[in-house]
Amino acid sequence: MFTTRDRPVPSARGWSAAPVRHGVSTVRHGLRHTLGLVFHDAA
């Protein structure tokens, strides 16, 4: 479950924020099951 837009990544000056890729990467071996939940204010 992804709760934020960014994730910490190591950088030259410590840590920096990088965007989270919310897609599913290519399956190279085996099977993968995914579930997508979208939370937003639809009102």
PDB file of N, CA and C in Angstrom:
ATOM      1  N   MET A   1       0.848  -1.167   0.000  1.00  0.00           N
ATOM      2  CA  MET A   1       0.000   0.000   0.000  1.00  0.00           C
ATOM      3  C   MET A   1       0.896   1.233   0.000  1.00  0.00           C
ATOM      4  N   PHE A   2       0.608   2.150  -0.903  1.00  0.00           N
ATOM      5  CA  PHE A   2       1.373   3.384  -0.982  1.00  0.00           C
ATOM      6  C   PHE A   2       0.581   4.490  -0.307  1.00  0.00           C
ATOM      7  N   THR A   3       1.187   5.139   0.667  1.00  0.00           N
ATOM      8  CA  THR A   3       0.475   6.187   1.391  1.00  0.00           C
ATOM      9  C   THR A   3       0.970   7.584   1.048  1.00  0.00           C
ATOM     10  N   THR A   4       2.071   7.677   0.349  1.00  0.00           N
ATOM     11  CA  THR A   4       2.626   8.991   0.022  1.00  0.00           C
ATOM     12  C   THR A   4       2.987   9.071  -1.449  1.00  0.00           C
ATOM     13  N   ARG A   5       3.273  10.245  -1.903  1.00  0.00           N
ATOM     14  CA  ARG A   5       3.684  10.488  -3.285  1.00  0.00           C
ATOM     15  C   ARG A   5       5.158  10.243  -3.512  1.00  0.00           C
ATOM     16  N   ASP A   6       5.973  10.468  -2.472  1.00  0.00           N
ATOM     17  CA  ASP A   6       7.425  10.392  -2.597  1.00  0.00           C
ATOM     18  C   ASP A   6       7.989   9.312  -1.690  1.00  0.00           C
ATOM     19  N   ARG A   7       9.189   8.848  -2.060  1.00  0.00           N
ATOM     20  CA  ARG A   7       9.896   7.884  -1.225  1.00  0.00           C
ATOM     21  C   ARG A   7      11.318   8.379  -1.023  1.00  0.00           C
ATOM     22  N   PRO A   8      11.942   8.052   0.118  1.00  0.00           N
ATOM     23  CA  PRO A   8      13.320   8.503   0.335  1.00  0.00           C
ATOM     24  C   PRO A   8      14.311   7.678  -0.495  1.00  0.00           C
ATOM     25  N   VAL A   9      15.273   8.364  -1.096  1.00  0.00           N
ATOM     26  CA  VAL A   9      16.346   7.703  -1.852  1.00  0.00           C
ATOM     27  C   VAL A   9      17.678   8.326  -1.445  1.00  0.00           C
ATOM     28  N   PRO A  10      18.736   7.527  -1.404  1.00  0.00           N
ATOM     29  CA  PRO A  10      20.044   8.099  -1.073  1.00  0.00           C
ATOM     30  C   PRO A  10      20.519   9.053  -2.168  1.00  0.00           C
ATOM     31  N   SER A  11      21.142  10.137  -1.769  1.00  0.00           N
ATOM     32  CA  SER A  11      21.684  11.101  -2.739  1.00  0.00           C
ATOM     33  C   SER A  11      23.070  11.538  -2.276  1.00  0.00           C
ATOM     34  N   ALA A  12      23.690  12.378  -3.046  1.00  0.00           N
ATOM     35  CA  ALA A  12      25.042  12.843  -2.723  1.00  0.00           C
ATOM     36  C   ALA A  12      25.082  13.616  -1.407  1.00  0.00           C
ATOM     37  N   ARG A  13      23.973  14.278  -1.057  1.00  0.00           N
ATOM     38  CA  ARG A  13      23.929  15.070   0.183  1.00  0.00           C
ATOM     39  C   ARG A  13      23.025  14.445   1.237  1.00  0.00           C
ATOM     40  N   GLY A  14      22.960  13.145   1.291  1.00  0.00           N
ATOM     41  CA  GLY A  14      22.122  12.483   2.291  1.00  0.00           C
ATOM     42  C   GLY A  14      20.942  11.785   1.633  1.00  0.00           C
ATOM     43  N   TRP A  15      19.746  12.254   1.953  1.00  0.00           N
ATOM     44  CA  TRP A  15      18.520  11.664   1.406  1.00  0.00           C
ATOM     45  C   TRP A  15      17.730  12.697   0.639  1.00  0.00           C
ATOM     46  N   SER A  16      17.006  12.244  -0.364  1.00  0.00           N
ATOM     47  CA  SER A  16      16.176  13.136  -1.146  1.00  0.00           C
ATOM     48  C   SER A  16      14.885  12.418  -1.487  1.00  0.00           C
ATOM     49  N   ALA A  17      13.863  13.157  -1.885  1.00  0.00           N
ATOM     50  CA  ALA A  17      12.554  12.575  -2.200  1.00  0.00           C
ATOM     51  C   ALA A  17      12.467  12.250  -3.688  1.00  0.00           C
ATOM     52  N   ALA A  18      12.008  11.044  -3.999  1.00  0.00           N
ATOM     53  CA  ALA A  18      11.812  10.627  -5.385  1.00  0.00           C
ATOM     54  C   ALA A  18      10.363  10.184  -5.539  1.00  0.00           C
ATOM     55  N   PRO A  19       9.740  10.442  -6.680  1.00  0.00           N
ATOM     56  CA  PRO A  19       8.352  10.040  -6.857  1.00  0.00           C
ATOM     57  C   PRO A  19       8.192   8.522  -6.841  1.00  0.00           C
ATOM     58  N   VAL A  20       7.088   8.090  -6.271  1.00  0.00           N
ATOM     59  CA  VAL A  20       6.775   6.667  -6.222  1.00  0.00           C
ATOM     60  C   VAL A  20       6.074   6.293  -7.517  1.00  0.00           C
ATOM     61  N   ARG A  21       6.512   5.205  -8.131  1.00  0.00           N
ATOM     62  CA  ARG A  21       5.850   4.704  -9.335  1.00  0.00           C
ATOM     63  C   ARG A  21       4.740   3.768  -8.880  1.00  0.00           C
ATOM     64  N   HIS A  22       3.503   4.156  -9.123  1.00  0.00           N
ATOM     65  CA  HIS A  22       2.366   3.380  -8.633  1.00  0.00           C
ATOM     66  C   HIS A  22       1.931   2.283  -9.597  1.00  0.00           C
ATOM     67  N   GLY A  23       2.650   2.113 -10.667  1.00  0.00           N
ATOM     68  CA  GLY A  23       2.318   1.038 -11.604  1.00  0.00           C
ATOM     69  C   GLY A  23       2.912  -0.284 -11.158  1.00  0.00           C
ATOM     70  N   VAL A  24       2.709  -1.294 -11.931  1.00  0.00           N
ATOM     71  CA  VAL A  24       3.238  -2.623 -11.637  1.00  0.00           C
ATOM     72  C   VAL A  24       4.318  -2.929 -12.657  1.00  0.00           C
ATOM     73  N   SER A  25       5.499  -3.312 -12.180  1.00  0.00           N
ATOM     74  CA  SER A  25       6.596  -3.600 -13.096  1.00  0.00           C
ATOM     75  C   SER A  25       6.364  -4.898 -13.848  1.00  0.00           C
ATOM     76  N   THR A  26       7.144  -5.106 -14.876  1.00  0.00           N
ATOM     77  CA  THR A  26       7.026  -6.292 -15.721  1.00  0.00           C
ATOM     78  C   THR A  26       7.340  -7.552 -14.925  1.00  0.00           C
ATOM     79  N   VAL A  27       6.505  -8.557 -15.073  1.00  0.00           N
ATOM     80  CA  VAL A  27       6.738  -9.839 -14.418  1.00  0.00           C
ATOM     81  C   VAL A  27       7.685 -10.651 -15.286  1.00  0.00           C
ATOM     82  N   ARG A  28       8.825 -11.055 -14.743  1.00  0.00           N
ATOM     83  CA  ARG A  28       9.809 -11.821 -15.498  1.00  0.00           C
ATOM     84  C   ARG A  28       9.722 -13.314 -15.193  1.00  0.00           C
ATOM     85  N   HIS A  29       9.340 -13.666 -13.975  1.00  0.00           N
ATOM     86  CA  HIS A  29       9.198 -15.075 -13.587  1.00  0.00           C
ATOM     87  C   HIS A  29       8.004 -15.199 -12.654  1.00  0.00           C
ATOM     88  N   GLY A  30       7.223 -16.254 -12.799  1.00  0.00           N
ATOM     89  CA  GLY A  30       6.126 -16.514 -11.875  1.00  0.00           C
ATOM     90  C   GLY A  30       4.895 -15.668 -12.161  1.00  0.00           C
ATOM     91  N   LEU A  31       4.067 -15.551 -11.145  1.00  0.00           N
ATOM     92  CA  LEU A  31       2.802 -14.814 -11.264  1.00  0.00           C
ATOM     93  C   LEU A  31       2.784 -13.638 -10.305  1.00  0.00           C
ATOM     94  N   ARG A  32       2.006 -12.627 -10.651  1.00  0.00           N
ATOM     95  CA  ARG A  32       1.833 -11.488  -9.747  1.00  0.00           C
ATOM     96  C   ARG A  32       0.361 -11.128  -9.715  1.00  0.00           C
ATOM     97  N   HIS A  33      -0.150 -10.903  -8.527  1.00  0.00           N
ATOM     98  CA  HIS A  33      -1.530 -10.462  -8.349  1.00  0.00           C
ATOM     99  C   HIS A  33      -1.490  -9.040  -7.817  1.00  0.00           C
ATOM    100  N   THR A  34      -2.317  -8.168  -8.355  1.00  0.00           N
ATOM    101  CA  THR A  34      -2.342  -6.785  -7.901  1.00  0.00           C
ATOM    102  C   THR A  34      -3.760  -6.365  -7.561  1.00  0.00           C
ATOM    103  N   LEU A  35      -3.855  -5.396  -6.696  1.00  0.00           N
ATOM    104  CA  LEU A  35      -5.133  -4.804  -6.314  1.00  0.00           C
ATOM    105  C   LEU A  35      -4.940  -3.299  -6.277  1.00  0.00           C
ATOM    106  N   GLY A  36      -5.724  -2.566  -7.032  1.00  0.00           N
ATOM    107  CA  GLY A  36      -5.617  -1.113  -7.021  1.00  0.00           C
ATOM    108  C   GLY A  36      -6.793  -0.484  -6.299  1.00  0.00           C
ATOM    109  N   LEU A  37      -6.509   0.363  -5.331  1.00  0.00           N
ATOM    110  CA  LEU A  37      -7.531   1.093  -4.585  1.00  0.00           C
ATOM    111  C   LEU A  37      -7.291   2.582  -4.788  1.00  0.00           C
ATOM    112  N   VAL A  38      -8.295   3.298  -5.201  1.00  0.00           N
ATOM    113  CA  VAL A  38      -8.167   4.736  -5.409  1.00  0.00           C
ATOM    114  C   VAL A  38      -8.976   5.437  -4.335  1.00  0.00           C
ATOM    115  N   PHE A  39      -8.312   6.279  -3.564  1.00  0.00           N
ATOM    116  CA  PHE A  39      -8.978   7.053  -2.523  1.00  0.00           C
ATOM    117  C   PHE A  39      -8.945   8.515  -2.935  1.00  0.00           C
ATOM    118  N   HIS A  40     -10.105   9.125  -3.065  1.00  0.00           N
ATOM    119  CA  HIS A  40     -10.152  10.542  -3.394  1.00  0.00           C
ATOM    120  C   HIS A  40     -11.488  11.104  -2.948  1.00  0.00           C
ATOM    121  N   ASP A  41     -11.551  12.395  -2.905  1.00  0.00           N
ATOM    122  CA  ASP A  41     -12.776  13.084  -2.503  1.00  0.00           C
ATOM    123  C   ASP A  41     -13.616  13.312  -3.755  1.00  0.00           C
ATOM    124  N   ALA A  42     -14.646  12.512  -3.928  1.00  0.00           N
ATOM    125  CA  ALA A  42     -15.475  12.600  -5.135  1.00  0.00           C
ATOM    126  C   ALA A  42     -16.640  13.562  -4.966  1.00  0.00           C
ATOM    127  N   ALA A  43     -16.763  14.164  -3.809  1.00  0.00           N
ATOM    128  CA  ALA A  43     -17.919  15.040  -3.571  1.00  0.00           C
ATOM    129  C   ALA A  43     -17.697  16.421  -4.130  1.00  0.00           C
TER     130      ALA A  43
END
